[in-house]
Protein backbone atom coordinates (compact mmCIF):
# COMPACT_ATOMS: atom_id res chain seq x y z
CA UNK A 1 129.62 111.98 86.62
CA UNK A 2 128.15 115.97 88.69
CA UNK A 3 125.31 114.99 91.18
CA UNK A 4 122.96 116.47 88.28
CA UNK A 5 123.59 113.45 85.95
CA UNK A 6 123.59 110.82 88.74
CA UNK A 7 119.79 112.15 89.36
CA UNK A 8 118.90 112.08 85.60
CA UNK A 9 120.03 108.08 85.31
CA UNK A 10 118.09 107.41 89.12
CA UNK A 11 114.93 108.70 87.39
CA UNK A 12 115.63 106.79 83.88
CA UNK A 13 116.07 103.34 85.62
CA UNK A 14 112.84 104.65 87.79
CA UNK A 15 110.85 105.43 84.72
CA UNK A 16 111.79 101.79 83.61
CA UNK A 17 111.05 100.01 86.29
CA UNK A 18 108.02 101.50 86.25
CA UNK A 19 106.65 101.12 83.33
CA UNK A 20 107.24 97.14 83.49
CA UNK A 21 104.72 96.80 86.74
CA UNK A 22 102.11 98.86 84.84
CA UNK A 23 99.12 96.59 83.40
CA UNK A 24 97.93 97.33 80.22
CA UNK A 25 93.62 97.29 80.82
CA UNK A 26 91.83 95.45 78.55
CA UNK A 27 89.47 97.76 76.47
CA UNK A 28 85.39 98.30 77.13
CA UNK A 29 83.97 97.00 74.27
CA UNK A 30 80.28 96.97 75.07
CA UNK A 31 77.81 98.87 73.04
CA UNK A 32 76.17 101.82 74.20
CA UNK A 33 73.22 99.93 75.62
CA UNK A 34 75.08 97.75 77.73
CA UNK A 35 77.17 99.40 79.40
CA UNK A 36 73.42 101.99 80.34
CA UNK A 37 71.96 97.87 81.08
CA UNK A 38 74.25 97.38 83.64
CA UNK A 39 74.52 100.94 85.36
CA UNK A 40 70.83 100.59 86.07
CA UNK A 41 70.82 96.85 86.85
CA UNK A 42 73.39 97.92 89.63
CA UNK A 43 71.75 101.28 91.51
CA UNK A 44 69.64 100.53 94.19
CA UNK A 45 65.83 99.84 94.30
CA UNK A 46 65.43 102.80 95.71
CA UNK A 47 67.09 105.13 94.28
CA UNK A 48 68.61 107.99 96.50
CA UNK A 49 67.73 108.69 100.13
CA UNK A 50 66.16 111.71 99.29
CA UNK A 51 65.08 111.23 95.99
CA UNK A 52 61.91 109.61 98.03
CA UNK A 53 60.74 112.21 100.10
CA UNK A 54 62.37 111.11 103.30
CA UNK A 55 64.18 113.86 104.93
CA UNK A 56 66.72 113.18 107.12
CA UNK A 57 68.02 115.96 109.37
CA UNK A 58 70.98 115.82 112.15
CA UNK A 59 68.66 116.32 114.67
CA UNK A 60 66.88 113.60 114.66
CA UNK A 61 69.69 110.93 115.72
CA UNK A 62 71.05 112.90 118.54
CA UNK A 63 69.77 111.76 122.25
CA UNK A 64 68.45 108.53 120.31
CA UNK A 65 66.88 107.60 123.74
CA UNK A 66 63.62 108.94 124.33
CA UNK A 67 62.97 110.35 127.54
CA UNK A 68 61.77 108.62 130.96
CA UNK A 69 59.91 109.47 133.95
CA UNK A 70 63.33 110.01 135.61
CA UNK A 71 65.52 107.02 137.28
CA UNK A 72 64.58 104.97 139.52
CA UNK A 73 67.72 104.45 142.56
CA UNK A 74 68.56 101.40 142.77
CA UNK A 75 68.13 99.17 145.42
CA UNK A 76 70.19 96.35 147.14
CA UNK A 77 67.85 93.36 147.94
């Protein structure tokens, strides 16, 4: 038995094992209206972040600390 035949047999066994382990999902029997209602119910109440007119930029989050008047020197009491 040559190498090619051994590889073919090995592939057949691997495919057979993979087919045994696959789970068949049940079909979705909902009506299109029920599917659309479920999609609408799962959406967030506020909608998309930018859809509400809110604009976020990367610069708004940089350097999150407000600049103060300066740092006071620590003193030992």
